[in-house]
Amino acid sequence: MESVYQSVFVYELRSKGLEVKTEVIIPVIWNNLKLDQGFRADIIVNDKVIIELKSVEKILPVHPKQLRTYLRLTGLRLGMLINFNEDKLTEGIRRVVNGLTET
């Protein structure tokens, strides 16, 4: 189901003139070895924001941690975690910032 949401979301972002990359491989470096099968970001917008899309009953602590890992590995600062399985979409949006801890 997330792939349908992603297709529509990407269409809307591009229709606003934004540069959108999808399913972006985020390599992991281990002992000078680059592992391309490490992680994959759902969407990166304008090479500035990582957007992770979910369609789950509720956001678990692992979901923002996953996004924070992607931000750290890419050096990007801002991420958005969007859960489409909410009564109101605005309740399913969480901002994640690289370098800030959640309180």
PDB file of N, CA and C in Angstrom:
ATOM      1  N   MET A   1       0.818  -1.188   0.000  1.00  0.00           N
ATOM      2  CA  MET A   1       0.000   0.000   0.000  1.00  0.00           C
ATOM      3  C   MET A   1       0.870   1.263   0.000  1.00  0.00           C
ATOM      4  N   GLU A   2       2.023   1.182   0.650  1.00  0.00           N
ATOM      5  CA  GLU A   2       2.898   2.360   0.701  1.00  0.00           C
ATOM      6  C   GLU A   2       3.340   2.786  -0.692  1.00  0.00           C
ATOM      7  N   SER A   3       3.486   1.824  -1.615  1.00  0.00           N
ATOM      8  CA  SER A   3       3.944   2.172  -2.965  1.00  0.00           C
ATOM      9  C   SER A   3       2.916   3.040  -3.697  1.00  0.00           C
ATOM     10  N   VAL A   4       1.635   2.811  -3.438  1.00  0.00           N
ATOM     11  CA  VAL A   4       0.593   3.644  -4.049  1.00  0.00           C
ATOM     12  C   VAL A   4       0.672   5.060  -3.495  1.00  0.00           C
ATOM     13  N   TYR A   5       0.775   5.167  -2.173  1.00  0.00           N
ATOM     14  CA  TYR A   5       0.906   6.489  -1.555  1.00  0.00           C
ATOM     15  C   TYR A   5       2.150   7.197  -2.074  1.00  0.00           C
ATOM     16  N   GLN A   6       3.251   6.447  -2.212  1.00  0.00           N
ATOM     17  CA  GLN A   6       4.494   7.044  -2.680  1.00  0.00           C
ATOM     18  C   GLN A   6       4.337   7.583  -4.100  1.00  0.00           C
ATOM     19  N   SER A   7       3.718   6.827  -4.985  1.00  0.00           N
ATOM     20  CA  SER A   7       3.538   7.276  -6.376  1.00  0.00           C
ATOM     21  C   SER A   7       2.748   8.578  -6.445  1.00  0.00           C
ATOM     22  N   VAL A   8       1.670   8.654  -5.695  1.00  0.00           N
ATOM     23  CA  VAL A   8       0.840   9.863  -5.692  1.00  0.00           C
ATOM     24  C   VAL A   8       1.593  11.029  -5.060  1.00  0.00           C
ATOM     25  N   PHE A   9       2.277  10.756  -3.952  1.00  0.00           N
ATOM     26  CA  PHE A   9       3.025  11.790  -3.241  1.00  0.00           C
ATOM     27  C   PHE A   9       4.117  12.370  -4.140  1.00  0.00           C
ATOM     28  N   VAL A  10       4.850  11.493  -4.821  1.00  0.00           N
ATOM     29  CA  VAL A  10       5.916  11.932  -5.727  1.00  0.00           C
ATOM     30  C   VAL A  10       5.330  12.756  -6.875  1.00  0.00           C
ATOM     31  N   TYR A  11       4.229  12.320  -7.428  1.00  0.00           N
ATOM     32  CA  TYR A  11       3.567  13.075  -8.499  1.00  0.00           C
ATOM     33  C   TYR A  11       3.240  14.494  -8.033  1.00  0.00           C
ATOM     34  N   GLU A  12       2.662  14.601  -6.842  1.00  0.00           N
ATOM     35  CA  GLU A  12       2.279  15.917  -6.317  1.00  0.00           C
ATOM     36  C   GLU A  12       3.504  16.802  -6.074  1.00  0.00           C
ATOM     37  N   LEU A  13       4.564  16.237  -5.523  1.00  0.00           N
ATOM     38  CA  LEU A  13       5.783  17.021  -5.279  1.00  0.00           C
ATOM     39  C   LEU A  13       6.371  17.526  -6.595  1.00  0.00           C
ATOM     40  N   ARG A  14       6.454  16.643  -7.581  1.00  0.00           N
ATOM     41  CA  ARG A  14       7.010  17.037  -8.880  1.00  0.00           C
ATOM     42  C   ARG A  14       6.127  18.067  -9.575  1.00  0.00           C
ATOM     43  N   SER A  15       4.822  17.969  -9.385  1.00  0.00           N
ATOM     44  CA  SER A  15       3.916  18.942 -10.011  1.00  0.00           C
ATOM     45  C   SER A  15       4.111  20.340  -9.429  1.00  0.00           C
ATOM     46  N   LYS A  16       4.739  20.415  -8.246  1.00  0.00           N
ATOM     47  CA  LYS A  16       5.050  21.705  -7.616  1.00  0.00           C
ATOM     48  C   LYS A  16       6.437  22.198  -8.015  1.00  0.00           C
ATOM     49  N   GLY A  17       7.113  21.459  -8.913  1.00  0.00           N
ATOM     50  CA  GLY A  17       8.421  21.870  -9.402  1.00  0.00           C
ATOM     51  C   GLY A  17       9.589  21.427  -8.537  1.00  0.00           C
ATOM     52  N   LEU A  18       9.351  20.512  -7.616  1.00  0.00           N
ATOM     53  CA  LEU A  18      10.420  20.037  -6.745  1.00  0.00           C
ATOM     54  C   LEU A  18      11.176  18.885  -7.399  1.00  0.00           C
ATOM     55  N   GLU A  19      12.475  18.798  -7.102  1.00  0.00           N
ATOM     56  CA  GLU A  19      13.284  17.676  -7.576  1.00  0.00           C
ATOM     57  C   GLU A  19      13.087  16.524  -6.601  1.00  0.00           C
ATOM     58  N   VAL A  20      12.669  15.380  -7.112  1.00  0.00           N
ATOM     59  CA  VAL A  20      12.338  14.247  -6.253  1.00  0.00           C
ATOM     60  C   VAL A  20      13.091  13.009  -6.720  1.00  0.00           C
ATOM     61  N   LYS A  21      13.790  12.373  -5.787  1.00  0.00           N
ATOM     62  CA  LYS A  21      14.445  11.090  -6.049  1.00  0.00           C
ATOM     63  C   LYS A  21      13.740  10.043  -5.199  1.00  0.00           C
ATOM     64  N   THR A  22      13.540   8.854  -5.765  1.00  0.00           N
ATOM     65  CA  THR A  22      12.849   7.802  -5.023  1.00  0.00           C
ATOM     66  C   THR A  22      13.736   6.573  -4.856  1.00  0.00           C
ATOM     67  N   GLU A  23      13.455   5.839  -3.787  1.00  0.00           N
ATOM     68  CA  GLU A  23      14.173   4.591  -3.488  1.00  0.00           C
ATOM     69  C   GLU A  23      15.685   4.796  -3.596  1.00  0.00           C
ATOM     70  N   VAL A  24      16.175   5.797  -2.908  1.00  0.00           N
ATOM     71  CA  VAL A  24      17.583   6.185  -2.975  1.00  0.00           C
ATOM     72  C   VAL A  24      18.408   5.275  -2.066  1.00  0.00           C
ATOM     73  N   ILE A  25      19.406   4.637  -2.655  1.00  0.00           N
ATOM     74  CA  ILE A  25      20.287   3.762  -1.878  1.00  0.00           C
ATOM     75  C   ILE A  25      21.184   4.616  -1.001  1.00  0.00           C
ATOM     76  N   ILE A  26      21.233   4.266   0.276  1.00  0.00           N
ATOM     77  CA  ILE A  26      22.105   4.941   1.233  1.00  0.00           C
ATOM     78  C   ILE A  26      23.171   3.929   1.640  1.00  0.00           C
ATOM     79  N   PRO A  27      24.378   4.086   1.109  1.00  0.00           N
ATOM     80  CA  PRO A  27      25.407   3.086   1.398  1.00  0.00           C
ATOM     81  C   PRO A  27      25.906   3.163   2.839  1.00  0.00           C
ATOM     82  N   VAL A  28      26.398   2.045   3.288  1.00  0.00           N
ATOM     83  CA  VAL A  28      27.030   1.951   4.601  1.00  0.00           C
ATOM     84  C   VAL A  28      28.512   1.684   4.355  1.00  0.00           C
ATOM     85  N   ILE A  29      29.368   2.414   5.047  1.00  0.00           N
ATOM     86  CA  ILE A  29      30.812   2.206   4.934  1.00  0.00           C
ATOM     87  C   ILE A  29      31.275   1.414   6.152  1.00  0.00           C
ATOM     88  N   TRP A  30      31.901   0.280   5.903  1.00  0.00           N
ATOM     89  CA  TRP A  30      32.404  -0.562   6.985  1.00  0.00           C
ATOM     90  C   TRP A  30      33.848  -0.924   6.667  1.00  0.00           C
ATOM     91  N   ASN A  31      34.783  -0.470   7.503  1.00  0.00           N
ATOM     92  CA  ASN A  31      36.208  -0.744   7.289  1.00  0.00           C
ATOM     93  C   ASN A  31      36.638  -0.420   5.857  1.00  0.00           C
ATOM     94  N   ASN A  32      36.293   0.777   5.393  1.00  0.00           N
ATOM     95  CA  ASN A  32      36.608   1.268   4.048  1.00  0.00           C
ATOM     96  C   ASN A  32      35.926   0.477   2.932  1.00  0.00           C
ATOM     97  N   LEU A  33      34.952  -0.349   3.266  1.00  0.00           N
ATOM     98  CA  LEU A  33      34.185  -1.097   2.271  1.00  0.00           C
ATOM     99  C   LEU A  33      32.805  -0.466   2.145  1.00  0.00           C
ATOM    100  N   LYS A  34      32.448  -0.083   0.926  1.00  0.00           N
ATOM    101  CA  LYS A  34      31.150   0.546   0.684  1.00  0.00           C
ATOM    102  C   LYS A  34      30.115  -0.542   0.386  1.00  0.00           C
ATOM    103  N   LEU A  35      29.101  -0.612   1.239  1.00  0.00           N
ATOM    104  CA  LEU A  35      28.034  -1.601   1.084  1.00  0.00           C
ATOM    105  C   LEU A  35      26.780  -0.894   0.579  1.00  0.00           C
ATOM    106  N   ASP A  36      26.486  -1.046  -0.718  1.00  0.00           N
ATOM    107  CA  ASP A  36      25.342  -0.353  -1.312  1.00  0.00           C
ATOM    108  C   ASP A  36      23.996  -0.949  -0.917  1.00  0.00           C
ATOM    109  N   GLN A  37      23.977  -2.157  -0.411  1.00  0.00           N
ATOM    110  CA  GLN A  37      22.702  -2.762  -0.042  1.00  0.00           C
ATOM    111  C   GLN A  37      22.291  -2.405   1.376  1.00  0.00           C
ATOM    112  N   GLY A  38      22.910  -1.390   1.946  1.00  0.00           N
ATOM    113  CA  GLY A  38      22.625  -1.005   3.324  1.00  0.00           C
ATOM    114  C   GLY A  38      21.201  -0.554   3.559  1.00  0.00           C
ATOM    115  N   PHE A  39      20.857   0.649   3.120  1.00  0.00           N
ATOM    116  CA  PHE A  39      19.548   1.230   3.387  1.00  0.00           C
ATOM    117  C   PHE A  39      18.991   1.861   2.115  1.00  0.00           C
ATOM    118  N   ARG A  40      17.696   2.136   2.140  1.00  0.00           N
ATOM    119  CA  ARG A  40      17.039   2.750   0.987  1.00  0.00           C
ATOM    120  C   ARG A  40      16.012   3.764   1.488  1.00  0.00           C
ATOM    121  N   ALA A  41      16.215   5.033   1.128  1.00  0.00           N
ATOM    122  CA  ALA A  41      15.277   6.095   1.513  1.00  0.00           C
ATOM    123  C   ALA A  41      14.124   6.122   0.519  1.00  0.00           C
ATOM    124  N   ASP A  42      12.911   6.277   1.026  1.00  0.00           N
ATOM    125  CA  ASP A  42      11.741   6.321   0.144  1.00  0.00           C
ATOM    126  C   ASP A  42      11.828   7.493  -0.825  1.00  0.00           C
ATOM    127  N   ILE A  43      12.032   8.695  -0.287  1.00  0.00           N
ATOM    128  CA  ILE A  43      12.026   9.909  -1.112  1.00  0.00           C
ATOM    129  C   ILE A  43      13.059  10.898  -0.570  1.00  0.00           C
ATOM    130  N   ILE A  44      13.793  11.540  -1.472  1.00  0.00           N
ATOM    131  CA  ILE A  44      14.640  12.676  -1.101  1.00  0.00           C
ATOM    132  C   ILE A  44      14.215  13.849  -1.981  1.00  0.00           C
ATOM    133  N   VAL A  45      13.891  14.968  -1.342  1.00  0.00           N
ATOM    134  CA  VAL A  45      13.391  16.151  -2.046  1.00  0.00           C
ATOM    135  C   VAL A  45      14.469  17.233  -2.068  1.00  0.00           C
ATOM    136  N   ASN A  46      14.779  17.701  -3.284  1.00  0.00           N
ATOM    137  CA  ASN A  46      15.754  18.788  -3.492  1.00  0.00           C
ATOM    138  C   ASN A  46      17.089  18.532  -2.797  1.00  0.00           C
ATOM    139  N   ASP A  47      17.468  17.272  -2.648  1.00  0.00           N
ATOM    140  CA  ASP A  47      18.716  16.888  -1.970  1.00  0.00           C
ATOM    141  C   ASP A  47      18.826  17.504  -0.585  1.00  0.00           C
ATOM    142  N   LYS A  48      17.673  17.735   0.068  1.00  0.00           N
ATOM    143  CA  LYS A  48      17.664  18.377   1.379  1.00  0.00           C
ATOM    144  C   LYS A  48      16.841  17.639   2.425  1.00  0.00           C
ATOM    145  N   VAL A  49      15.756  17.000   2.022  1.00  0.00           N
ATOM    146  CA  VAL A  49      14.816  16.401   2.972  1.00  0.00           C
ATOM    147  C   VAL A  49      14.565  14.942   2.604  1.00  0.00           C
ATOM    148  N   ILE A  50      14.688  14.063   3.591  1.00  0.00           N
ATOM    149  CA  ILE A  50      14.330  12.658   3.397  1.00  0.00           C
ATOM    150  C   ILE A  50      12.911  12.466   3.908  1.00  0.00           C
ATOM    151  N   ILE A  51      12.095  11.843   3.084  1.00  0.00           N
ATOM    152  CA  ILE A  51      10.719  11.549   3.485  1.00  0.00           C
ATOM    153  C   ILE A  51      10.544  10.035   3.520  1.00  0.00           C
ATOM    154  N   GLU A  52      10.154   9.536   4.673  1.00  0.00           N
ATOM    155  CA  GLU A  52       9.862   8.115   4.841  1.00  0.00           C
ATOM    156  C   GLU A  52       8.363   7.948   4.984  1.00  0.00           C
ATOM    157  N   LEU A  53       7.800   7.093   4.152  1.00  0.00           N
ATOM    158  CA  LEU A  53       6.359   6.876   4.143  1.00  0.00           C
ATOM    159  C   LEU A  53       6.021   5.553   4.818  1.00  0.00           C
ATOM    160  N   LYS A  54       4.988   5.586   5.622  1.00  0.00           N
ATOM    161  CA  LYS A  54       4.502   4.392   6.314  1.00  0.00           C
ATOM    162  C   LYS A  54       2.994   4.315   6.164  1.00  0.00           C
ATOM    163  N   SER A  55       2.482   3.111   6.272  1.00  0.00           N
ATOM    164  CA  SER A  55       1.047   2.883   6.381  1.00  0.00           C
ATOM    165  C   SER A  55       0.877   1.800   7.437  1.00  0.00           C
ATOM    166  N   VAL A  56       1.051   2.210   8.687  1.00  0.00           N
ATOM    167  CA  VAL A  56       1.054   1.282   9.814  1.00  0.00           C
ATOM    168  C   VAL A  56       0.034   1.732  10.853  1.00  0.00           C
ATOM    169  N   GLU A  57      -0.342   0.797  11.719  1.00  0.00           N
ATOM    170  CA  GLU A  57      -1.327   1.115  12.749  1.00  0.00           C
ATOM    171  C   GLU A  57      -0.862   2.264  13.626  1.00  0.00           C
ATOM    172  N   LYS A  58       0.415   2.224  14.003  1.00  0.00           N
ATOM    173  CA  LYS A  58       0.980   3.343  14.760  1.00  0.00           C
ATOM    174  C   LYS A  58       2.478   3.402  14.533  1.00  0.00           C
ATOM    175  N   ILE A  59       3.008   4.600  14.660  1.00  0.00           N
ATOM    176  CA  ILE A  59       4.448   4.799  14.531  1.00  0.00           C
ATOM    177  C   ILE A  59       5.114   4.231  15.775  1.00  0.00           C
ATOM    178  N   LEU A  60       6.084   3.370  15.559  1.00  0.00           N
ATOM    179  CA  LEU A  60       6.847   2.767  16.650  1.00  0.00           C
ATOM    180  C   LEU A  60       8.154   3.530  16.833  1.00  0.00           C
ATOM    181  N   PRO A  61       8.799   3.392  17.988  1.00  0.00           N
ATOM    182  CA  PRO A  61      10.069   4.103  18.212  1.00  0.00           C
ATOM    183  C   PRO A  61      11.136   3.804  17.156  1.00  0.00           C
ATOM    184  N   VAL A  62      11.088   2.636  16.548  1.00  0.00           N
ATOM    185  CA  VAL A  62      12.085   2.274  15.537  1.00  0.00           C
ATOM    186  C   VAL A  62      11.953   3.124  14.268  1.00  0.00           C
ATOM    187  N   HIS A  63      10.765   3.615  13.964  1.00  0.00           N
ATOM    188  CA  HIS A  63      10.567   4.373  12.724  1.00  0.00           C
ATOM    189  C   HIS A  63      11.335   5.698  12.700  1.00  0.00           C
ATOM    190  N   PRO A  64      11.221   6.565  13.716  1.00  0.00           N
ATOM    191  CA  PRO A  64      12.055   7.781  13.682  1.00  0.00           C
ATOM    192  C   PRO A  64      13.545   7.473  13.820  1.00  0.00           C
ATOM    193  N   LYS A  65      13.886   6.391  14.521  1.00  0.00           N
ATOM    194  CA  LYS A  65      15.303   6.010  14.632  1.00  0.00           C
ATOM    195  C   LYS A  65      15.858   5.634  13.264  1.00  0.00           C
ATOM    196  N   GLN A  66      15.065   4.913  12.477  1.00  0.00           N
ATOM    197  CA  GLN A  66      15.462   4.542  11.121  1.00  0.00           C
ATOM    198  C   GLN A  66      15.724   5.798  10.290  1.00  0.00           C
ATOM    199  N   LEU A  67      14.814   6.741  10.356  1.00  0.00           N
ATOM    200  CA  LEU A  67      14.965   7.985   9.601  1.00  0.00           C
ATOM    201  C   LEU A  67      16.170   8.779  10.093  1.00  0.00           C
ATOM    202  N   ARG A  68      16.379   8.814  11.390  1.00  0.00           N
ATOM    203  CA  ARG A  68      17.536   9.520  11.945  1.00  0.00           C
ATOM    204  C   ARG A  68      18.841   8.882  11.446  1.00  0.00           C
ATOM    205  N   THR A  69      18.863   7.562  11.321  1.00  0.00           N
ATOM    206  CA  THR A  69      20.037   6.874  10.773  1.00  0.00           C
ATOM    207  C   THR A  69      20.282   7.304   9.332  1.00  0.00           C
ATOM    208  N   TYR A  70      19.226   7.364   8.533  1.00  0.00           N
ATOM    209  CA  TYR A  70      19.361   7.805   7.143  1.00  0.00           C
ATOM    210  C   TYR A  70      19.916   9.225   7.076  1.00  0.00           C
ATOM    211  N   LEU A  71      19.417  10.094   7.934  1.00  0.00           N
ATOM    212  CA  LEU A  71      19.895  11.477   7.958  1.00  0.00           C
ATOM    213  C   LEU A  71      21.377  11.529   8.316  1.00  0.00           C
ATOM    214  N   ARG A  72      21.756  10.773   9.321  1.00  0.00           N
ATOM    215  CA  ARG A  72      23.150  10.765   9.755  1.00  0.00           C
ATOM    216  C   ARG A  72      24.068  10.255   8.636  1.00  0.00           C
ATOM    217  N   LEU A  73      23.674   9.165   7.974  1.00  0.00           N
ATOM    218  CA  LEU A  73      24.514   8.578   6.929  1.00  0.00           C
ATOM    219  C   LEU A  73      24.620   9.462   5.685  1.00  0.00           C
ATOM    220  N   THR A  74      23.579  10.234   5.392  1.00  0.00           N
ATOM    221  CA  THR A  74      23.605  11.107   4.207  1.00  0.00           C
ATOM    222  C   THR A  74      24.150  12.494   4.512  1.00  0.00           C
ATOM    223  N   GLY A  75      24.190  12.861   5.793  1.00  0.00           N
ATOM    224  CA  GLY A  75      24.606  14.204   6.163  1.00  0.00           C
ATOM    225  C   GLY A  75      23.489  15.230   6.014  1.00  0.00           C
ATOM    226  N   LEU A  76      22.299  14.766   5.682  1.00  0.00           N
ATOM    227  CA  LEU A  76      21.161  15.689   5.584  1.00  0.00           C
ATOM    228  C   LEU A  76      20.637  16.006   6.976  1.00  0.00           C
ATOM    229  N   ARG A  77      19.928  17.109   7.088  1.00  0.00           N
ATOM    230  CA  ARG A  77      19.501  17.588   8.407  1.00  0.00           C
ATOM    231  C   ARG A  77      18.033  17.315   8.725  1.00  0.00           C
ATOM    232  N   LEU A  78      17.169  17.344   7.717  1.00  0.00           N
ATOM    233  CA  LEU A  78      15.733  17.275   7.980  1.00  0.00           C
ATOM    234  C   LEU A  78      15.095  16.053   7.340  1.00  0.00           C
ATOM    235  N   GLY A  79      14.208  15.425   8.106  1.00  0.00           N
ATOM    236  CA  GLY A  79      13.433  14.298   7.599  1.00  0.00           C
ATOM    237  C   GLY A  79      11.981  14.425   8.019  1.00  0.00           C
ATOM    238  N   MET A  80      11.109  13.835   7.226  1.00  0.00           N
ATOM    239  CA  MET A  80       9.683  13.790   7.546  1.00  0.00           C
ATOM    240  C   MET A  80       9.247  12.332   7.527  1.00  0.00           C
ATOM    241  N   LEU A  81       8.573  11.935   8.592  1.00  0.00           N
ATOM    242  CA  LEU A  81       8.013  10.594   8.701  1.00  0.00           C
ATOM    243  C   LEU A  81       6.503  10.747   8.562  1.00  0.00           C
ATOM    244  N   ILE A  82       5.938  10.122   7.543  1.00  0.00           N
ATOM    245  CA  ILE A  82       4.513  10.294   7.269  1.00  0.00           C
ATOM    246  C   ILE A  82       3.817   8.938   7.319  1.00  0.00           C
ATOM    247  N   ASN A  83       2.839   8.824   8.217  1.00  0.00           N
ATOM    248  CA  ASN A  83       2.029   7.617   8.330  1.00  0.00           C
ATOM    249  C   ASN A  83       0.657   7.902   7.721  1.00  0.00           C
ATOM    250  N   PHE A  84       0.351   7.230   6.627  1.00  0.00           N
ATOM    251  CA  PHE A  84      -0.916   7.447   5.939  1.00  0.00           C
ATOM    252  C   PHE A  84      -2.083   6.732   6.605  1.00  0.00           C
ATOM    253  N   ASN A  85      -1.808   5.907   7.582  1.00  0.00           N
ATOM    254  CA  ASN A  85      -2.869   5.145   8.246  1.00  0.00           C
ATOM    255  C   ASN A  85      -3.380   5.885   9.484  1.00  0.00           C
ATOM    256  N   GLU A  86      -3.751   7.127   9.303  1.00  0.00           N
ATOM    257  CA  GLU A  86      -4.320   7.954  10.379  1.00  0.00           C
ATOM    258  C   GLU A  86      -5.652   8.514   9.900  1.00  0.00           C
ATOM    259  N   ASP A  87      -6.553   8.784  10.839  1.00  0.00           N
ATOM    260  CA  ASP A  87      -7.833   9.388  10.466  1.00  0.00           C
ATOM    261  C   ASP A  87      -7.621  10.749   9.807  1.00  0.00           C
ATOM    262  N   LYS A  88      -6.707  11.538  10.376  1.00  0.00           N
ATOM    263  CA  LYS A  88      -6.320  12.826   9.800  1.00  0.00           C
ATOM    264  C   LYS A  88      -4.839  12.740   9.459  1.00  0.00           C
ATOM    265  N   LEU A  89      -4.508  12.989   8.221  1.00  0.00           N
ATOM    266  CA  LEU A  89      -3.116  12.863   7.784  1.00  0.00           C
ATOM    267  C   LEU A  89      -2.180  13.720   8.622  1.00  0.00           C
ATOM    268  N   THR A  90      -2.632  14.899   9.036  1.00  0.00           N
ATOM    269  CA  THR A  90      -1.769  15.788   9.821  1.00  0.00           C
ATOM    270  C   THR A  90      -1.332  15.141  11.132  1.00  0.00           C
ATOM    271  N   GLU A  91      -2.108  14.194  11.640  1.00  0.00           N
ATOM    272  CA  GLU A  91      -1.727  13.492  12.872  1.00  0.00           C
ATOM    273  C   GLU A  91      -0.644  12.449  12.620  1.00  0.00           C
ATOM    274  N   GLY A  92      -0.416  12.118  11.360  1.00  0.00           N
ATOM    275  CA  GLY A  92       0.571  11.106  11.020  1.00  0.00           C
ATOM    276  C   GLY A  92       1.891  11.661  10.529  1.00  0.00           C
ATOM    277  N   ILE A  93       2.113  12.962  10.687  1.00  0.00           N
ATOM    278  CA  ILE A  93       3.343  13.584  10.195  1.00  0.00           C
ATOM    279  C   ILE A  93       4.249  13.935  11.365  1.00  0.00           C
ATOM    280  N   ARG A  94       5.492  13.451  11.291  1.00  0.00           N
ATOM    281  CA  ARG A  94       6.484  13.774  12.320  1.00  0.00           C
ATOM    282  C   ARG A  94       7.740  14.305  11.653  1.00  0.00           C
ATOM    283  N   ARG A  95       8.252  15.365  12.207  1.00  0.00           N
ATOM    284  CA  ARG A  95       9.503  15.953  11.728  1.00  0.00           C
ATOM    285  C   ARG A  95      10.644  15.353  12.530  1.00  0.00           C
ATOM    286  N   VAL A  96      11.707  14.967  11.851  1.00  0.00           N
ATOM    287  CA  VAL A  96      12.892  14.408  12.497  1.00  0.00           C
ATOM    288  C   VAL A  96      14.085  15.239  12.040  1.00  0.00           C
ATOM    289  N   VAL A  97      14.865  15.714  13.001  1.00  0.00           N
ATOM    290  CA  VAL A  97      16.005  16.576  12.681  1.00  0.00           C
ATOM    291  C   VAL A  97      17.292  15.889  13.111  1.00  0.00           C
ATOM    292  N   ASN A  98      18.242  15.822  12.205  1.00  0.00           N
ATOM    293  CA  ASN A  98      19.546  15.231  12.486  1.00  0.00           C
ATOM    294  C   ASN A  98      20.271  16.077  13.527  1.00  0.00           C
ATOM    295  N   GLY A  99      20.721  15.447  14.581  1.00  0.00           N
ATOM    296  CA  GLY A  99      21.458  16.160  15.620  1.00  0.00           C
ATOM    297  C   GLY A  99      20.617  16.584  16.798  1.00  0.00           C
ATOM    298  N   LEU A 100      19.299  16.435  16.703  1.00  0.00           N
ATOM    299  CA  LEU A 100      18.420  16.754  17.827  1.00  0.00           C
ATOM    300  C   LEU A 100      17.882  15.460  18.412  1.00  0.00           C
ATOM    301  N   THR A 101      17.869  15.370  19.722  1.00  0.00           N
ATOM    302  CA  THR A 101      17.288  14.197  20.361  1.00  0.00           C
ATOM    303  C   THR A 101      15.851  14.494  20.727  1.00  0.00           C
ATOM    304  N   GLU A 102      15.021  13.452  20.661  1.00  0.00           N
ATOM    305  CA  GLU A 102      13.615  13.622  21.018  1.00  0.00           C
ATOM    306  C   GLU A 102      13.455  13.674  22.515  1.00  0.00           C
ATOM    307  N   THR A 103      12.525  14.511  22.962  1.00  0.00           N
ATOM    308  CA  THR A 103      12.245  14.591  24.398  1.00  0.00           C
ATOM    309  C   THR A 103      10.881  14.033  24.696  1.00  0.00           C
TER     310      THR A 103
END
